[in-house]
Amino acid sequence: MKRLGSLFTQYSYEFTEIDWKDTPSRDSVESGSGLTVTAERCDKDADLPEGSPFSNWKEARKFAGPMPFSFSYDQAAKKVISIEGVRTGWKPQPMRVLSATVPFFEELGLSDLRVANAFLLEDIPYWWRKGEIESWPH
């Protein structure tokens, strides 16, 4: 992913070790970059995190996972490529985040950000449609 993703996109992928521990009710993730998250599974009737902009889990679920399209802009050619990701078997399960440390946000001075929702996604078939290139003269 790192080599080909960085070769074919401008995303500059990085490799990081991830340590994932899961039990029937709780999951924890730690990375070499200092990211740590501990969450427990809950049902759709559980309360959302305090301060969440969503009124319920059903509304929050619309934002679980990647958006359907990725875009890249070639400024020299003034063209945009759009690629659609296709997923099936999409059944996000609500998670209650017990603790989270996200160094990337802290480096950006965004340490006041709060969790709005969290979901567990497992065994999802996911693939990309052929990209489309369009002129973008702006």
C-alpha atoms as a PDB file:
ATOM      1  CA  MET A   1       0.000   0.000   0.000  1.00  0.00           C
ATOM      2  CA  LYS A   2       2.761   2.434   0.941  1.00  0.00           C
ATOM      3  CA  ARG A   3       4.783   1.917  -2.242  1.00  0.00           C
ATOM      4  CA  LEU A   4       1.983   1.743  -4.792  1.00  0.00           C
ATOM      5  CA  GLY A   5      -0.251   4.256  -3.017  1.00  0.00           C
ATOM      6  CA  SER A   6       2.559   6.793  -2.940  1.00  0.00           C
ATOM      7  CA  LEU A   7       3.575   5.992  -6.525  1.00  0.00           C
ATOM      8  CA  PHE A   8       0.094   6.461  -7.989  1.00  0.00           C
ATOM      9  CA  THR A   9      -1.228   9.234  -5.705  1.00  0.00           C
ATOM     10  CA  GLN A  10      -0.082  12.377  -3.935  1.00  0.00           C
ATOM     11  CA  TYR A  11      -1.058  10.996  -0.512  1.00  0.00           C
ATOM     12  CA  SER A  12       2.503  10.142   0.698  1.00  0.00           C
ATOM     13  CA  TYR A  13       1.484   6.978   2.564  1.00  0.00           C
ATOM     14  CA  GLU A  14       3.515   5.991   5.628  1.00  0.00           C
ATOM     15  CA  PHE A  15       3.988   2.595   7.279  1.00  0.00           C
ATOM     16  CA  THR A  16       3.223   2.197  10.954  1.00  0.00           C
ATOM     17  CA  GLU A  17       2.993  -0.781  13.278  1.00  0.00           C
ATOM     18  CA  ILE A  18      -0.455  -1.299  14.805  1.00  0.00           C
ATOM     19  CA  ASP A  19      -1.119  -3.379  17.919  1.00  0.00           C
ATOM     20  CA  TRP A  20      -4.808  -4.324  18.038  1.00  0.00           C
ATOM     21  CA  LYS A  21      -6.225  -6.156  21.053  1.00  0.00           C
ATOM     22  CA  ASP A  22      -9.820  -7.220  21.110  1.00  0.00           C
ATOM     23  CA  THR A  23     -12.124  -9.019  23.471  1.00  0.00           C
ATOM     24  CA  PRO A  24     -15.825  -9.756  22.977  1.00  0.00           C
ATOM     25  CA  SER A  25     -16.736  -6.336  24.389  1.00  0.00           C
ATOM     26  CA  ARG A  26     -13.647  -4.089  24.209  1.00  0.00           C
ATOM     27  CA  ASP A  27     -10.999  -3.176  21.628  1.00  0.00           C
ATOM     28  CA  SER A  28      -7.767  -1.237  21.989  1.00  0.00           C
ATOM     29  CA  VAL A  29      -5.403   0.046  19.328  1.00  0.00           C
ATOM     30  CA  GLU A  30      -1.871   1.393  19.759  1.00  0.00           C
ATOM     31  CA  SER A  31       0.476   2.584  17.032  1.00  0.00           C
ATOM     32  CA  GLY A  32       4.150   3.387  16.883  1.00  0.00           C
ATOM     33  CA  SER A  33       3.211   7.032  16.299  1.00  0.00           C
ATOM     34  CA  GLY A  34       1.543   7.336  19.720  1.00  0.00           C
ATOM     35  CA  LEU A  35      -2.071   6.894  18.639  1.00  0.00           C
ATOM     36  CA  THR A  36      -4.021   5.026  21.321  1.00  0.00           C
ATOM     37  CA  VAL A  37      -7.737   4.259  21.400  1.00  0.00           C
ATOM     38  CA  THR A  38      -9.742   2.072  23.763  1.00  0.00           C
ATOM     39  CA  ALA A  39     -13.422   1.487  23.032  1.00  0.00           C
ATOM     40  CA  GLU A  40     -16.199  -0.850  24.089  1.00  0.00           C
ATOM     41  CA  ARG A  41     -19.041  -2.170  22.008  1.00  0.00           C
ATOM     42  CA  CYS A  42     -22.470  -0.765  22.747  1.00  0.00           C
ATOM     43  CA  ASP A  43     -25.912  -0.918  21.200  1.00  0.00           C
ATOM     44  CA  LYS A  44     -27.671   1.646  19.028  1.00  0.00           C
ATOM     45  CA  ASP A  45     -29.742   2.785  22.024  1.00  0.00           C
ATOM     46  CA  ALA A  46     -26.656   3.893  23.980  1.00  0.00           C
ATOM     47  CA  ASP A  47     -25.961   7.589  24.382  1.00  0.00           C
ATOM     48  CA  LEU A  48     -23.636   9.276  21.901  1.00  0.00           C
ATOM     49  CA  PRO A  49     -20.559  11.013  23.311  1.00  0.00           C
ATOM     50  CA  GLU A  50     -21.248  14.317  25.068  1.00  0.00           C
ATOM     51  CA  GLY A  51     -21.105  17.180  22.588  1.00  0.00           C
ATOM     52  CA  SER A  52     -21.678  14.983  19.531  1.00  0.00           C
ATOM     53  CA  PRO A  53     -23.299  16.916  16.661  1.00  0.00           C
ATOM     54  CA  PHE A  54     -25.469  13.868  15.909  1.00  0.00           C
ATOM     55  CA  SER A  55     -28.860  13.265  17.508  1.00  0.00           C
ATOM     56  CA  ASN A  56     -28.642   9.442  17.361  1.00  0.00           C
ATOM     57  CA  TRP A  57     -26.512   6.514  16.146  1.00  0.00           C
ATOM     58  CA  LYS A  58     -28.548   6.123  12.955  1.00  0.00           C
ATOM     59  CA  GLU A  59     -27.687   9.689  11.942  1.00  0.00           C
ATOM     60  CA  ALA A  60     -24.028   9.232  12.958  1.00  0.00           C
ATOM     61  CA  ARG A  61     -23.795   5.982  10.979  1.00  0.00           C
ATOM     62  CA  LYS A  62     -24.134   7.944   7.717  1.00  0.00           C
ATOM     63  CA  PHE A  63     -20.628   9.259   8.394  1.00  0.00           C
ATOM     64  CA  ALA A  64     -19.021   5.942   9.409  1.00  0.00           C
ATOM     65  CA  GLY A  65     -16.174   5.032   7.092  1.00  0.00           C
ATOM     66  CA  PRO A  66     -14.729   6.467   3.936  1.00  0.00           C
ATOM     67  CA  MET A  67     -16.730   8.755   1.728  1.00  0.00           C
ATOM     68  CA  PRO A  68     -17.703   7.163  -1.599  1.00  0.00           C
ATOM     69  CA  PHE A  69     -15.308   9.251  -3.724  1.00  0.00           C
ATOM     70  CA  SER A  70     -11.627  10.201  -3.588  1.00  0.00           C
ATOM     71  CA  PHE A  71     -10.323  13.122  -5.625  1.00  0.00           C
ATOM     72  CA  SER A  72      -6.908  14.270  -6.786  1.00  0.00           C
ATOM     73  CA  TYR A  73      -6.014  17.437  -8.716  1.00  0.00           C
ATOM     74  CA  ASP A  74      -3.214  17.741 -11.285  1.00  0.00           C
ATOM     75  CA  GLN A  75      -2.530  21.474 -11.229  1.00  0.00           C
ATOM     76  CA  ALA A  76      -0.152  21.451 -14.239  1.00  0.00           C
ATOM     77  CA  ALA A  77      -2.687  19.646 -16.467  1.00  0.00           C
ATOM     78  CA  LYS A  78      -5.673  21.343 -14.779  1.00  0.00           C
ATOM     79  CA  LYS A  79      -7.453  18.018 -14.432  1.00  0.00           C
ATOM     80  CA  VAL A  80      -9.282  16.263 -11.610  1.00  0.00           C
ATOM     81  CA  ILE A  81      -9.408  12.498 -11.174  1.00  0.00           C
ATOM     82  CA  SER A  82     -12.290  11.037  -9.202  1.00  0.00           C
ATOM     83  CA  ILE A  83     -12.392   7.433  -8.048  1.00  0.00           C
ATOM     84  CA  GLU A  84     -15.411   5.743  -6.484  1.00  0.00           C
ATOM     85  CA  GLY A  85     -14.938   3.244  -3.688  1.00  0.00           C
ATOM     86  CA  VAL A  86     -17.535   0.466  -3.572  1.00  0.00           C
ATOM     87  CA  ARG A  87     -18.316  -1.409  -0.372  1.00  0.00           C
ATOM     88  CA  THR A  88     -20.761  -4.185   0.443  1.00  0.00           C
ATOM     89  CA  GLY A  89     -21.791  -5.904   3.665  1.00  0.00           C
ATOM     90  CA  TRP A  90     -21.615  -2.560   5.471  1.00  0.00           C
ATOM     91  CA  LYS A  91     -22.799  -3.066   9.079  1.00  0.00           C
ATOM     92  CA  PRO A  92     -21.053  -0.595  11.413  1.00  0.00           C
ATOM     93  CA  GLN A  93     -21.418  -1.485  15.113  1.00  0.00           C
ATOM     94  CA  PRO A  94     -21.522   1.431  17.600  1.00  0.00           C
ATOM     95  CA  MET A  95     -18.508   1.776  19.926  1.00  0.00           C
ATOM     96  CA  ARG A  96     -18.140   3.920  23.072  1.00  0.00           C
ATOM     97  CA  VAL A  97     -14.663   5.464  23.125  1.00  0.00           C
ATOM     98  CA  LEU A  98     -13.249   5.198  26.651  1.00  0.00           C
ATOM     99  CA  SER A  99      -9.958   6.942  25.885  1.00  0.00           C
ATOM    100  CA  ALA A 100      -8.153   8.325  22.844  1.00  0.00           C
ATOM    101  CA  THR A 101      -4.825  10.017  22.193  1.00  0.00           C
ATOM    102  CA  VAL A 102      -4.257  11.345  18.664  1.00  0.00           C
ATOM    103  CA  PRO A 103      -0.816  12.972  18.398  1.00  0.00           C
ATOM    104  CA  PHE A 104      -1.516  14.205  14.856  1.00  0.00           C
ATOM    105  CA  PHE A 105      -4.336  16.429  16.141  1.00  0.00           C
ATOM    106  CA  GLU A 106      -2.210  17.658  19.040  1.00  0.00           C
ATOM    107  CA  GLU A 107       0.613  18.621  16.633  1.00  0.00           C
ATOM    108  CA  LEU A 108      -1.908  20.718  14.692  1.00  0.00           C
ATOM    109  CA  GLY A 109      -3.043  22.450  17.890  1.00  0.00           C
ATOM    110  CA  LEU A 110      -6.394  20.639  17.784  1.00  0.00           C
ATOM    111  CA  SER A 111      -6.216  18.936  21.176  1.00  0.00           C
ATOM    112  CA  ASP A 112      -9.690  20.291  22.057  1.00  0.00           C
ATOM    113  CA  LEU A 113     -11.368  18.021  19.480  1.00  0.00           C
ATOM    114  CA  ARG A 114     -13.825  15.501  20.899  1.00  0.00           C
ATOM    115  CA  VAL A 115     -15.177  12.167  19.667  1.00  0.00           C
ATOM    116  CA  ALA A 116     -18.515  12.562  17.854  1.00  0.00           C
ATOM    117  CA  ASN A 117     -19.098   8.832  17.253  1.00  0.00           C
ATOM    118  CA  ALA A 118     -17.201   5.588  16.714  1.00  0.00           C
ATOM    119  CA  PHE A 119     -18.011   2.373  14.912  1.00  0.00           C
ATOM    120  CA  LEU A 120     -16.435  -1.029  14.453  1.00  0.00           C
ATOM    121  CA  LEU A 121     -16.273  -2.274  10.859  1.00  0.00           C
ATOM    122  CA  GLU A 122     -15.160  -5.827  10.133  1.00  0.00           C
ATOM    123  CA  ASP A 123     -14.631  -8.008   7.035  1.00  0.00           C
ATOM    124  CA  ILE A 124     -15.818  -5.485   4.464  1.00  0.00           C
ATOM    125  CA  PRO A 125     -15.391  -6.254   0.765  1.00  0.00           C
ATOM    126  CA  TYR A 126     -14.111  -2.981  -0.708  1.00  0.00           C
ATOM    127  CA  TRP A 127     -12.883  -2.128  -4.201  1.00  0.00           C
ATOM    128  CA  TRP A 128     -12.384   0.891  -6.480  1.00  0.00           C
ATOM    129  CA  ARG A 129     -14.122   1.622  -9.786  1.00  0.00           C
ATOM    130  CA  LYS A 130     -12.039   2.885 -12.692  1.00  0.00           C
ATOM    131  CA  GLY A 131     -11.158   6.553 -12.185  1.00  0.00           C
ATOM    132  CA  GLU A 132     -12.526   9.364 -14.315  1.00  0.00           C
ATOM    133  CA  ILE A 133     -10.452  12.335 -15.459  1.00  0.00           C
ATOM    134  CA  GLU A 134     -12.123  15.693 -16.063  1.00  0.00           C
ATOM    135  CA  SER A 135     -10.775  19.086 -17.090  1.00  0.00           C
ATOM    136  CA  TRP A 136     -10.896  21.645 -14.302  1.00  0.00           C
ATOM    137  CA  PRO A 137      -9.779  24.986 -15.739  1.00  0.00           C
ATOM    138  CA  HIS A 138     -10.234  27.017 -12.523  1.00  0.00           C
END
